[in-house]
PDB file of N, CA and C in Angstrom:
ATOM      1  N   MET A   1      14.552  28.127   8.113  1.00  0.00           N
ATOM      2  CA  MET A   1      15.155  29.390   7.953  1.00  0.00           C
ATOM      3  C   MET A   1      14.855  29.965   6.534  1.00  0.00           C
ATOM      4  N   ILE A   2      14.443  31.173   6.518  1.00  0.00           N
ATOM      5  CA  ILE A   2      14.020  31.782   5.233  1.00  0.00           C
ATOM      6  C   ILE A   2      15.298  32.630   4.748  1.00  0.00           C
ATOM      7  N   PRO A   3      15.738  32.451   3.486  1.00  0.00           N
ATOM      8  CA  PRO A   3      16.902  33.277   2.955  1.00  0.00           C
ATOM      9  C   PRO A   3      16.539  34.735   3.085  1.00  0.00           C
ATOM     10  N   GLY A   4      17.454  35.617   3.429  1.00  0.00           N
ATOM     11  CA  GLY A   4      17.121  37.066   3.576  1.00  0.00           C
ATOM     12  C   GLY A   4      16.441  37.459   4.846  1.00  0.00           C
ATOM     13  N   GLY A   5      16.006  36.457   5.707  1.00  0.00           N
ATOM     14  CA  GLY A   5      15.369  36.758   6.967  1.00  0.00           C
ATOM     15  C   GLY A   5      13.901  37.113   6.725  1.00  0.00           C
ATOM     16  N   GLY A   6      13.303  36.981   5.552  1.00  0.00           N
ATOM     17  CA  GLY A   6      11.940  37.268   5.417  1.00  0.00           C
ATOM     18  C   GLY A   6      10.962  36.214   5.904  1.00  0.00           C
ATOM     19  N   GLN A   7       9.643  36.481   5.841  1.00  0.00           N
ATOM     20  CA  GLN A   7       8.625  35.583   6.299  1.00  0.00           C
ATOM     21  C   GLN A   7       8.332  34.589   5.195  1.00  0.00           C
ATOM     22  N   PRO A   8       7.878  33.388   5.376  1.00  0.00           N
ATOM     23  CA  PRO A   8       7.512  32.496   4.370  1.00  0.00           C
ATOM     24  C   PRO A   8       6.320  32.950   3.625  1.00  0.00           C
ATOM     25  N   ASN A   9       6.438  32.670   2.341  1.00  0.00           N
ATOM     26  CA  ASN A   9       5.293  33.174   1.363  1.00  0.00           C
ATOM     27  C   ASN A   9       4.250  32.138   1.602  1.00  0.00           C
ATOM     28  N   MET A  10       3.017  32.567   2.360  1.00  0.00           N
ATOM     29  CA  MET A  10       1.899  31.752   2.553  1.00  0.00           C
ATOM     30  C   MET A  10       1.263  31.140   1.444  1.00  0.00           C
ATOM     31  N   GLN A  11       1.102  31.925   0.382  1.00  0.00           N
ATOM     32  CA  GLN A  11       0.478  31.619  -0.866  1.00  0.00           C
ATOM     33  C   GLN A  11       1.285  30.421  -1.396  1.00  0.00           C
ATOM     34  N   GLN A  12       2.640  30.539  -1.394  1.00  0.00           N
ATOM     35  CA  GLN A  12       3.503  29.573  -1.922  1.00  0.00           C
ATOM     36  C   GLN A  12       3.454  28.252  -1.074  1.00  0.00           C
ATOM     37  N   LEU A  13       3.362  28.351   0.167  1.00  0.00           N
ATOM     38  CA  LEU A  13       3.260  27.164   1.008  1.00  0.00           C
ATOM     39  C   LEU A  13       1.885  26.462   0.773  1.00  0.00           C
ATOM     40  N   LEU A  14       0.874  27.243   0.803  1.00  0.00           N
ATOM     41  CA  LEU A  14      -0.476  26.597   0.499  1.00  0.00           C
ATOM     42  C   LEU A  14      -0.513  25.929  -0.924  1.00  0.00           C
ATOM     43  N   GLN A  15       0.138  26.602  -1.860  1.00  0.00           N
ATOM     44  CA  GLN A  15       0.204  25.872  -3.199  1.00  0.00           C
ATOM     45  C   GLN A  15       0.971  24.567  -3.074  1.00  0.00           C
ATOM     46  N   GLN A  16       2.130  24.596  -2.464  1.00  0.00           N
ATOM     47  CA  GLN A  16       2.877  23.464  -2.324  1.00  0.00           C
ATOM     48  C   GLN A  16       2.072  22.259  -1.553  1.00  0.00           C
ATOM     49  N   ALA A  17       1.311  22.745  -0.498  1.00  0.00           N
ATOM     50  CA  ALA A  17       0.633  21.737   0.265  1.00  0.00           C
ATOM     51  C   ALA A  17      -0.577  21.097  -0.653  1.00  0.00           C
ATOM     52  N   GLN A  18      -1.152  22.027  -1.352  1.00  0.00           N
ATOM     53  CA  GLN A  18      -2.161  21.556  -2.332  1.00  0.00           C
ATOM     54  C   GLN A  18      -1.635  20.546  -3.349  1.00  0.00           C
ATOM     55  N   LYS A  19      -0.457  20.899  -3.953  1.00  0.00           N
ATOM     56  CA  LYS A  19       0.020  19.993  -4.908  1.00  0.00           C
ATOM     57  C   LYS A  19       0.515  18.706  -4.241  1.00  0.00           C
ATOM     58  N   MET A  20       0.979  18.644  -3.027  1.00  0.00           N
ATOM     59  CA  MET A  20       1.333  17.388  -2.372  1.00  0.00           C
ATOM     60  C   MET A  20       0.018  16.561  -2.118  1.00  0.00           C
ATOM     61  N   GLN A  21      -0.992  17.244  -1.683  1.00  0.00           N
ATOM     62  CA  GLN A  21      -2.199  16.527  -1.460  1.00  0.00           C
ATOM     63  C   GLN A  21      -2.800  15.910  -2.751  1.00  0.00           C
ATOM     64  N   GLN A  22      -2.655  16.598  -3.775  1.00  0.00           N
ATOM     65  CA  GLN A  22      -3.076  15.988  -5.210  1.00  0.00           C
ATOM     66  C   GLN A  22      -2.259  14.853  -5.545  1.00  0.00           C
ATOM     67  N   ASP A  23      -0.918  14.901  -5.264  1.00  0.00           N
ATOM     68  CA  ASP A  23       0.011  13.912  -5.673  1.00  0.00           C
ATOM     69  C   ASP A  23      -0.351  12.658  -4.739  1.00  0.00           C
ATOM     70  N   LEU A  24      -0.600  12.983  -3.430  1.00  0.00           N
ATOM     71  CA  LEU A  24      -0.980  11.859  -2.557  1.00  0.00           C
ATOM     72  C   LEU A  24      -2.264  11.097  -3.006  1.00  0.00           C
ATOM     73  N   ALA A  25      -3.271  11.796  -3.481  1.00  0.00           N
ATOM     74  CA  ALA A  25      -4.595  11.351  -3.844  1.00  0.00           C
ATOM     75  C   ALA A  25      -4.313  10.523  -5.110  1.00  0.00           C
ATOM     76  N   ARG A  26      -3.438  11.042  -6.063  1.00  0.00           N
ATOM     77  CA  ARG A  26      -3.116  10.270  -7.248  1.00  0.00           C
ATOM     78  C   ARG A  26      -2.458   8.867  -6.968  1.00  0.00           C
ATOM     79  N   ALA A  27      -1.474   9.022  -6.011  1.00  0.00           N
ATOM     80  CA  ALA A  27      -0.720   7.796  -5.670  1.00  0.00           C
ATOM     81  C   ALA A  27      -1.743   6.851  -4.985  1.00  0.00           C
ATOM     82  N   GLN A  28      -2.668   7.280  -4.181  1.00  0.00           N
ATOM     83  CA  GLN A  28      -3.630   6.268  -3.533  1.00  0.00           C
ATOM     84  C   GLN A  28      -4.531   5.793  -4.571  1.00  0.00           C
ATOM     85  N   GLU A  29      -4.967   6.438  -5.633  1.00  0.00           N
ATOM     86  CA  GLU A  29      -5.751   5.933  -6.586  1.00  0.00           C
ATOM     87  C   GLU A  29      -4.892   4.793  -7.471  1.00  0.00           C
ATOM     88  N   GLU A  30      -3.692   5.126  -7.696  1.00  0.00           N
ATOM     89  CA  GLU A  30      -2.759   4.214  -8.444  1.00  0.00           C
ATOM     90  C   GLU A  30      -2.669   2.807  -7.474  1.00  0.00           C
ATOM     91  N   LEU A  31      -2.488   3.094  -6.297  1.00  0.00           N
ATOM     92  CA  LEU A  31      -2.408   1.795  -5.382  1.00  0.00           C
ATOM     93  C   LEU A  31      -3.749   0.948  -5.437  1.00  0.00           C
ATOM     94  N   ALA A  32      -4.869   1.678  -5.489  1.00  0.00           N
ATOM     95  CA  ALA A  32      -6.129   0.917  -5.593  1.00  0.00           C
ATOM     96  C   ALA A  32      -6.222   0.088  -6.861  1.00  0.00           C
ATOM     97  N   ARG A  33      -5.689   0.565  -7.915  1.00  0.00           N
ATOM     98  CA  ARG A  33      -5.637  -0.130  -9.302  1.00  0.00           C
ATOM     99  C   ARG A  33      -4.542  -1.174  -9.380  1.00  0.00           C
ATOM    100  N   THR A  34      -3.419  -1.144  -8.624  1.00  0.00           N
ATOM    101  CA  THR A  34      -2.283  -1.924  -8.835  1.00  0.00           C
ATOM    102  C   THR A  34      -2.536  -3.171  -8.038  1.00  0.00           C
ATOM    103  N   GLU A  35      -2.262  -4.407  -8.551  1.00  0.00           N
ATOM    104  CA  GLU A  35      -2.418  -5.657  -7.941  1.00  0.00           C
ATOM    105  C   GLU A  35      -1.070  -6.276  -7.610  1.00  0.00           C
ATOM    106  N   VAL A  36      -0.879  -6.817  -6.512  1.00  0.00           N
ATOM    107  CA  VAL A  36       0.208  -7.534  -6.029  1.00  0.00           C
ATOM    108  C   VAL A  36      -0.187  -8.916  -5.518  1.00  0.00           C
ATOM    109  N   GLU A  37       0.865  -9.944  -5.658  1.00  0.00           N
ATOM    110  CA  GLU A  37       0.475 -11.285  -5.247  1.00  0.00           C
ATOM    111  C   GLU A  37       1.339 -11.681  -4.025  1.00  0.00           C
ATOM    112  N   GLY A  38       0.786 -12.687  -3.285  1.00  0.00           N
ATOM    113  CA  GLY A  38       1.494 -13.408  -2.294  1.00  0.00           C
ATOM    114  C   GLY A  38       1.296 -14.825  -2.451  1.00  0.00           C
ATOM    115  N   GLN A  39       2.269 -15.623  -2.175  1.00  0.00           N
ATOM    116  CA  GLN A  39       2.066 -17.124  -2.358  1.00  0.00           C
ATOM    117  C   GLN A  39       2.510 -17.835  -1.064  1.00  0.00           C
ATOM    118  N   SER A  40       1.955 -19.112  -0.925  1.00  0.00           N
ATOM    119  CA  SER A  40       2.452 -19.972   0.181  1.00  0.00           C
ATOM    120  C   SER A  40       2.422 -21.387  -0.432  1.00  0.00           C
ATOM    121  N   GLY A  41       3.122 -22.263   0.408  1.00  0.00           N
ATOM    122  CA  GLY A  41       3.126 -23.780   0.049  1.00  0.00           C
ATOM    123  C   GLY A  41       3.869 -23.876  -1.259  1.00  0.00           C
ATOM    124  N   GLY A  42       4.961 -23.024  -1.599  1.00  0.00           N
ATOM    125  CA  GLY A  42       5.573 -23.153  -2.815  1.00  0.00           C
ATOM    126  C   GLY A  42       4.734 -22.863  -4.078  1.00  0.00           C
ATOM    127  N   GLY A  43       3.796 -22.066  -3.886  1.00  0.00           N
ATOM    128  CA  GLY A  43       2.939 -21.641  -4.994  1.00  0.00           C
ATOM    129  C   GLY A  43       1.611 -22.488  -5.000  1.00  0.00           C
ATOM    130  N   LEU A  44       1.299 -23.157  -4.051  1.00  0.00           N
ATOM    131  CA  LEU A  44       0.127 -23.987  -4.060  1.00  0.00           C
ATOM    132  C   LEU A  44      -1.164 -23.032  -3.869  1.00  0.00           C
ATOM    133  N   VAL A  45      -0.974 -21.992  -3.162  1.00  0.00           N
ATOM    134  CA  VAL A  45      -1.916 -21.001  -2.959  1.00  0.00           C
ATOM    135  C   VAL A  45      -1.256 -19.560  -3.300  1.00  0.00           C
ATOM    136  N   THR A  46      -2.045 -18.805  -4.151  1.00  0.00           N
ATOM    137  CA  THR A  46      -1.774 -17.583  -4.457  1.00  0.00           C
ATOM    138  C   THR A  46      -2.893 -16.606  -4.250  1.00  0.00           C
ATOM    139  N   ALA A  47      -2.566 -15.523  -3.532  1.00  0.00           N
ATOM    140  CA  ALA A  47      -3.486 -14.484  -3.191  1.00  0.00           C
ATOM    141  C   ALA A  47      -3.152 -13.224  -3.982  1.00  0.00           C
ATOM    142  N   THR A  48      -4.128 -12.559  -4.620  1.00  0.00           N
ATOM    143  CA  THR A  48      -3.797 -11.275  -5.208  1.00  0.00           C
ATOM    144  C   THR A  48      -4.577 -10.159  -4.562  1.00  0.00           C
ATOM    145  N   VAL A  49      -3.958  -9.144  -4.088  1.00  0.00           N
ATOM    146  CA  VAL A  49      -4.572  -7.996  -3.457  1.00  0.00           C
ATOM    147  C   VAL A  49      -4.184  -6.695  -4.195  1.00  0.00           C
ATOM    148  N   THR A  50      -5.033  -5.680  -3.940  1.00  0.00           N
ATOM    149  CA  THR A  50      -4.611  -4.381  -4.568  1.00  0.00           C
ATOM    150  C   THR A  50      -3.631  -3.704  -3.702  1.00  0.00           C
ATOM    151  N   GLY A  51      -2.890  -2.714  -4.174  1.00  0.00           N
ATOM    152  CA  GLY A  51      -1.874  -1.975  -3.307  1.00  0.00           C
ATOM    153  C   GLY A  51      -2.527  -1.395  -2.117  1.00  0.00           C
ATOM    154  N   SER A  52      -3.814  -1.201  -2.031  1.00  0.00           N
ATOM    155  CA  SER A  52      -4.438  -0.713  -0.830  1.00  0.00           C
ATOM    156  C   SER A  52      -4.929  -1.908   0.034  1.00  0.00           C
ATOM    157  N   GLY A  53      -4.616  -3.126  -0.370  1.00  0.00           N
ATOM    158  CA  GLY A  53      -4.950  -4.246   0.612  1.00  0.00           C
ATOM    159  C   GLY A  53      -6.211  -4.961   0.336  1.00  0.00           C
ATOM    160  N   GLU A  54      -6.930  -4.662  -0.681  1.00  0.00           N
ATOM    161  CA  GLU A  54      -8.277  -5.402  -1.025  1.00  0.00           C
ATOM    162  C   GLU A  54      -7.909  -6.697  -1.770  1.00  0.00           C
ATOM    163  N   LEU A  55      -8.499  -7.799  -1.083  1.00  0.00           N
ATOM    164  CA  LEU A  55      -8.306  -9.106  -1.739  1.00  0.00           C
ATOM    165  C   LEU A  55      -9.074  -9.150  -3.059  1.00  0.00           C
ATOM    166  N   ARG A  56      -8.446  -9.425  -4.100  1.00  0.00           N
ATOM    167  CA  ARG A  56      -9.101  -9.485  -5.459  1.00  0.00           C
ATOM    168  C   ARG A  56      -9.292 -10.981  -5.924  1.00  0.00           C
ATOM    169  N   ALA A  57      -8.246 -11.859  -5.597  1.00  0.00           N
ATOM    170  CA  ALA A  57      -8.361 -13.174  -6.225  1.00  0.00           C
ATOM    171  C   ALA A  57      -7.591 -14.218  -5.250  1.00  0.00           C
ATOM    172  N   LEU A  58      -8.071 -15.480  -5.271  1.00  0.00           N
ATOM    173  CA  LEU A  58      -7.369 -16.452  -4.444  1.00  0.00           C
ATOM    174  C   LEU A  58      -7.367 -17.695  -5.451  1.00  0.00           C
ATOM    175  N   VAL A  59      -6.159 -18.122  -5.712  1.00  0.00           N
ATOM    176  CA  VAL A  59      -5.920 -19.423  -6.581  1.00  0.00           C
ATOM    177  C   VAL A  59      -5.451 -20.541  -5.690  1.00  0.00           C
ATOM    178  N   ILE A  60      -6.080 -21.602  -5.701  1.00  0.00           N
ATOM    179  CA  ILE A  60      -5.625 -22.795  -4.911  1.00  0.00           C
ATOM    180  C   ILE A  60      -5.405 -24.013  -5.974  1.00  0.00           C
ATOM    181  N   ASP A  61      -4.147 -24.467  -5.921  1.00  0.00           N
ATOM    182  CA  ASP A  61      -3.762 -25.618  -6.661  1.00  0.00           C
ATOM    183  C   ASP A  61      -4.630 -26.834  -6.186  1.00  0.00           C
ATOM    184  N   PRO A  62      -5.173 -27.675  -7.050  1.00  0.00           N
ATOM    185  CA  PRO A  62      -5.992 -28.819  -6.564  1.00  0.00           C
ATOM    186  C   PRO A  62      -4.958 -29.668  -5.665  1.00  0.00           C
ATOM    187  N   LYS A  63      -3.670 -29.666  -5.947  1.00  0.00           N
ATOM    188  CA  LYS A  63      -2.851 -30.547  -5.097  1.00  0.00           C
ATOM    189  C   LYS A  63      -2.867 -30.044  -3.523  1.00  0.00           C
ATOM    190  N   ALA A  64      -3.321 -28.940  -3.287  1.00  0.00           N
ATOM    191  CA  ALA A  64      -3.316 -28.340  -1.931  1.00  0.00           C
ATOM    192  C   ALA A  64      -4.713 -28.782  -1.172  1.00  0.00           C
ATOM    193  N   VAL A  65      -5.552 -29.358  -1.896  1.00  0.00           N
ATOM    194  CA  VAL A  65      -6.930 -29.708  -1.353  1.00  0.00           C
ATOM    195  C   VAL A  65      -6.871 -31.205  -0.879  1.00  0.00           C
ATOM    196  N   ASP A  66      -6.962 -31.374   0.453  1.00  0.00           N
ATOM    197  CA  ASP A  66      -7.068 -32.700   1.031  1.00  0.00           C
ATOM    198  C   ASP A  66      -8.263 -32.633   1.875  1.00  0.00           C
ATOM    199  N   PRO A  67      -9.384 -33.362   1.518  1.00  0.00           N
ATOM    200  CA  PRO A  67     -10.528 -33.177   2.352  1.00  0.00           C
ATOM    201  C   PRO A  67     -10.382 -33.726   3.714  1.00  0.00           C
ATOM    202  N   GLU A  68      -9.363 -34.467   4.084  1.00  0.00           N
ATOM    203  CA  GLU A  68      -9.055 -34.952   5.349  1.00  0.00           C
ATOM    204  C   GLU A  68      -8.288 -33.943   6.267  1.00  0.00           C
ATOM    205  N   ASP A  69      -7.721 -32.900   5.580  1.00  0.00           N
ATOM    206  CA  ASP A  69      -6.850 -31.916   6.274  1.00  0.00           C
ATOM    207  C   ASP A  69      -7.105 -30.489   5.687  1.00  0.00           C
ATOM    208  N   THR A  70      -8.274 -30.054   6.167  1.00  0.00           N
ATOM    209  CA  THR A  70      -8.646 -28.701   5.630  1.00  0.00           C
ATOM    210  C   THR A  70      -7.916 -27.554   6.465  1.00  0.00           C
ATOM    211  N   GLU A  71      -7.352 -28.033   7.583  1.00  0.00           N
ATOM    212  CA  GLU A  71      -6.549 -27.053   8.472  1.00  0.00           C
ATOM    213  C   GLU A  71      -5.354 -26.570   7.727  1.00  0.00           C
ATOM    214  N   THR A  72      -4.711 -27.455   7.077  1.00  0.00           N
ATOM    215  CA  THR A  72      -3.495 -27.046   6.361  1.00  0.00           C
ATOM    216  C   THR A  72      -3.799 -26.154   5.179  1.00  0.00           C
ATOM    217  N   LEU A  73      -4.846 -26.374   4.444  1.00  0.00           N
ATOM    218  CA  LEU A  73      -5.341 -25.521   3.435  1.00  0.00           C
ATOM    219  C   LEU A  73      -5.716 -24.058   3.939  1.00  0.00           C
ATOM    220  N   ALA A  74      -6.313 -24.108   5.067  1.00  0.00           N
ATOM    221  CA  ALA A  74      -6.673 -22.773   5.602  1.00  0.00           C
ATOM    222  C   ALA A  74      -5.451 -22.026   5.943  1.00  0.00           C
ATOM    223  N   ASP A  75      -4.410 -22.715   6.584  1.00  0.00           N
ATOM    224  CA  ASP A  75      -3.221 -22.104   6.901  1.00  0.00           C
ATOM    225  C   ASP A  75      -2.432 -21.578   5.693  1.00  0.00           C
ATOM    226  N   LEU A  76      -2.512 -22.284   4.551  1.00  0.00           N
ATOM    227  CA  LEU A  76      -1.920 -21.855   3.352  1.00  0.00           C
ATOM    228  C   LEU A  76      -2.530 -20.547   2.844  1.00  0.00           C
ATOM    229  N   VAL A  77      -3.858 -20.659   2.902  1.00  0.00           N
ATOM    230  CA  VAL A  77      -4.565 -19.439   2.398  1.00  0.00           C
ATOM    231  C   VAL A  77      -4.353 -18.186   3.244  1.00  0.00           C
ATOM    232  N   VAL A  78      -4.263 -18.362   4.604  1.00  0.00           N
ATOM    233  CA  VAL A  78      -4.034 -17.311   5.491  1.00  0.00           C
ATOM    234  C   VAL A  78      -2.539 -16.781   5.046  1.00  0.00           C
ATOM    235  N   ALA A  79      -1.645 -17.643   5.032  1.00  0.00           N
ATOM    236  CA  ALA A  79      -0.199 -17.327   4.734  1.00  0.00           C
ATOM    237  C   ALA A  79      -0.148 -16.555   3.324  1.00  0.00           C
ATOM    238  N   ALA A  80      -0.886 -16.991   2.375  1.00  0.00           N
ATOM    239  CA  ALA A  80      -0.751 -16.358   1.106  1.00  0.00           C
ATOM    240  C   ALA A  80      -1.324 -14.888   1.091  1.00  0.00           C
ATOM    241  N   VAL A  81      -2.501 -14.741   1.844  1.00  0.00           N
ATOM    242  CA  VAL A  81      -3.078 -13.369   1.965  1.00  0.00           C
ATOM    243  C   VAL A  81      -2.189 -12.545   2.799  1.00  0.00           C
ATOM    244  N   GLN A  82      -1.568 -13.050   3.820  1.00  0.00           N
ATOM    245  CA  GLN A  82      -0.621 -12.207   4.653  1.00  0.00           C
ATOM    246  C   GLN A  82       0.659 -11.817   3.774  1.00  0.00           C
ATOM    247  N   ALA A  83       1.095 -12.710   2.974  1.00  0.00           N
ATOM    248  CA  ALA A  83       2.229 -12.365   2.063  1.00  0.00           C
ATOM    249  C   ALA A  83       1.861 -11.343   1.077  1.00  0.00           C
ATOM    250  N   ALA A  84       0.617 -11.437   0.493  1.00  0.00           N
ATOM    251  CA  ALA A  84       0.139 -10.378  -0.447  1.00  0.00           C
ATOM    252  C   ALA A  84      -0.001  -9.043   0.259  1.00  0.00           C
ATOM    253  N   ASN A  85      -0.500  -9.069   1.421  1.00  0.00           N
ATOM    254  CA  ASN A  85      -0.630  -7.962   2.154  1.00  0.00           C
ATOM    255  C   ASN A  85       0.627  -7.181   2.471  1.00  0.00           C
ATOM    256  N   GLU A  86       1.740  -8.042   2.846  1.00  0.00           N
ATOM    257  CA  GLU A  86       3.067  -7.384   3.150  1.00  0.00           C
ATOM    258  C   GLU A  86       3.501  -6.829   1.890  1.00  0.00           C
ATOM    259  N   ASN A  87       3.332  -7.435   0.731  1.00  0.00           N
ATOM    260  CA  ASN A  87       3.763  -6.893  -0.594  1.00  0.00           C
ATOM    261  C   ASN A  87       2.996  -5.551  -0.858  1.00  0.00           C
ATOM    262  N   ALA A  88       1.769  -5.630  -0.518  1.00  0.00           N
ATOM    263  CA  ALA A  88       0.938  -4.256  -0.701  1.00  0.00           C
ATOM    264  C   ALA A  88       1.540  -3.206   0.176  1.00  0.00           C
ATOM    265  N   GLN A  89       1.894  -3.482   1.467  1.00  0.00           N
ATOM    266  CA  GLN A  89       2.345  -2.563   2.342  1.00  0.00           C
ATOM    267  C   GLN A  89       3.754  -1.995   1.850  1.00  0.00           C
ATOM    268  N   GLN A  90       4.517  -2.867   1.342  1.00  0.00           N
ATOM    269  CA  GLN A  90       5.792  -2.419   0.765  1.00  0.00           C
ATOM    270  C   GLN A  90       5.573  -1.465  -0.445  1.00  0.00           C
ATOM    271  N   LEU A  91       4.544  -1.792  -1.242  1.00  0.00           N
ATOM    272  CA  LEU A  91       4.162  -0.937  -2.295  1.00  0.00           C
ATOM    273  C   LEU A  91       3.692   0.441  -1.856  1.00  0.00           C
ATOM    274  N   GLN A  92       2.830   0.423  -0.751  1.00  0.00           N
ATOM    275  CA  GLN A  92       2.273   1.661  -0.170  1.00  0.00           C
ATOM    276  C   GLN A  92       3.517   2.478   0.348  1.00  0.00           C
ATOM    277  N   GLN A  93       4.421   1.915   1.020  1.00  0.00           N
ATOM    278  CA  GLN A  93       5.606   2.675   1.495  1.00  0.00           C
ATOM    279  C   GLN A  93       6.333   3.372   0.328  1.00  0.00           C
ATOM    280  N   SER A  94       6.466   2.594  -0.807  1.00  0.00           N
ATOM    281  CA  SER A  94       7.291   3.174  -1.902  1.00  0.00           C
ATOM    282  C   SER A  94       6.588   4.337  -2.534  1.00  0.00           C
ATOM    283  N   LYS A  95       5.213   4.137  -2.579  1.00  0.00           N
ATOM    284  CA  LYS A  95       4.436   5.260  -3.240  1.00  0.00           C
ATOM    285  C   LYS A  95       3.990   6.414  -2.425  1.00  0.00           C
ATOM    286  N   LEU A  96       3.665   6.034  -1.146  1.00  0.00           N
ATOM    287  CA  LEU A  96       3.157   7.079  -0.330  1.00  0.00           C
ATOM    288  C   LEU A  96       4.154   7.612   0.682  1.00  0.00           C
ATOM    289  N   GLY A  97       5.131   6.875   1.005  1.00  0.00           N
ATOM    290  CA  GLY A  97       6.131   7.370   2.128  1.00  0.00           C
ATOM    291  C   GLY A  97       6.680   8.796   1.820  1.00  0.00           C
ATOM    292  N   PRO A  98       7.331   8.993   0.578  1.00  0.00           N
ATOM    293  CA  PRO A  98       7.847  10.300   0.428  1.00  0.00           C
ATOM    294  C   PRO A  98       6.758  11.260   0.391  1.00  0.00           C
ATOM    295  N   LEU A  99       5.606  11.100  -0.115  1.00  0.00           N
ATOM    296  CA  LEU A  99       4.473  12.076  -0.091  1.00  0.00           C
ATOM    297  C   LEU A  99       3.953  12.374   1.332  1.00  0.00           C
ATOM    298  N   ALA A 100       3.764  11.385   2.121  1.00  0.00           N
ATOM    299  CA  ALA A 100       3.265  11.498   3.467  1.00  0.00           C
ATOM    300  C   ALA A 100       4.278  12.374   4.321  1.00  0.00           C
ATOM    301  N   GLN A 101       5.613  12.014   4.066  1.00  0.00           N
ATOM    302  CA  GLN A 101       6.633  12.742   4.871  1.00  0.00           C
ATOM    303  C   GLN A 101       6.690  14.156   4.460  1.00  0.00           C
ATOM    304  N   GLY A 102       6.335  14.456   3.225  1.00  0.00           N
ATOM    305  CA  GLY A 102       6.364  15.919   2.725  1.00  0.00           C
ATOM    306  C   GLY A 102       5.220  16.587   3.393  1.00  0.00           C
ATOM    307  N   LEU A 103       4.108  16.006   3.403  1.00  0.00           N
ATOM    308  CA  LEU A 103       2.832  16.674   3.990  1.00  0.00           C
ATOM    309  C   LEU A 103       3.008  16.824   5.483  1.00  0.00           C
ATOM    310  N   GLY A 104       3.683  15.809   6.070  1.00  0.00           N
ATOM    311  CA  GLY A 104       3.876  15.902   7.577  1.00  0.00           C
ATOM    312  C   GLY A 104       4.856  16.941   8.012  1.00  0.00           C
ATOM    313  N   GLY A 105       5.647  17.375   7.101  1.00  0.00           N
ATOM    314  CA  GLY A 105       6.604  18.481   7.435  1.00  0.00           C
ATOM    315  C   GLY A 105       6.035  19.859   7.333  1.00  0.00           C
ATOM    316  N   MET A 106       4.843  19.906   6.845  1.00  0.00           N
ATOM    317  CA  MET A 106       4.245  21.285   6.649  1.00  0.00           C
ATOM    318  C   MET A 106       3.425  21.685   8.011  1.00  0.00           C
ATOM    319  N   PRO A 107       3.773  22.765   8.546  1.00  0.00           N
ATOM    320  CA  PRO A 107       3.047  23.230   9.787  1.00  0.00           C
ATOM    321  C   PRO A 107       1.549  23.438   9.557  1.00  0.00           C
ATOM    322  N   GLY A 108       0.726  22.917  10.459  1.00  0.00           N
ATOM    323  CA  GLY A 108      -0.632  23.212  10.378  1.00  0.00           C
ATOM    324  C   GLY A 108      -1.490  22.219   9.571  1.00  0.00           C
ATOM    325  N   LEU A 109      -0.812  21.278   8.938  1.00  0.00           N
ATOM    326  CA  LEU A 109      -1.433  20.255   8.270  1.00  0.00           C
ATOM    327  C   LEU A 109      -1.689  19.073   9.104  1.00  0.00           C
ATOM    328  N   PRO A 110      -2.925  18.493   9.095  1.00  0.00           N
ATOM    329  CA  PRO A 110      -3.332  17.366   9.948  1.00  0.00           C
ATOM    330  C   PRO A 110      -2.754  15.937   9.491  1.00  0.00           C
ATOM    331  N   PHE A 111      -1.549  15.904   9.151  1.00  0.00           N
ATOM    332  CA  PHE A 111      -0.939  14.584   8.710  1.00  0.00           C
ATOM    333  C   PHE A 111       0.145  14.222   9.596  1.00  0.00           C
TER     334      PHE A 111
END
C-alpha cells in the first residue's frame, strides 16, 4: 500500500534493489574470506572451511591415527567436515538471510 494512494516510485525501487544486490555481493565476499571450524572425536579431527563451504584445512591429531583402523579416522574426518559445513551454513544464514529475504520481496527480481 502506497501512502496517499500514489504509484510506487520505480526509480526508488530500482535503487533499493541495486543497493540490496550490492549488499548481498559484499556479504558473499565476506563469507568467502571468513573461516569456521568443525571438530569431531573430542577435537581429534578439526576441519576448517570458509563461510561459503570451501574446505581450507584439516588437522588430525596423531592419537586419531591407527593403521589397523582407518575406517574410524575416515568417519572422524567426515564428521569434522560436516560439522564445519553446518557452521558455515549457520554463518550464511546470519549474513545472507536478511538480504535474500529483502531481495525476494521485490516484485520482478529473480530471487
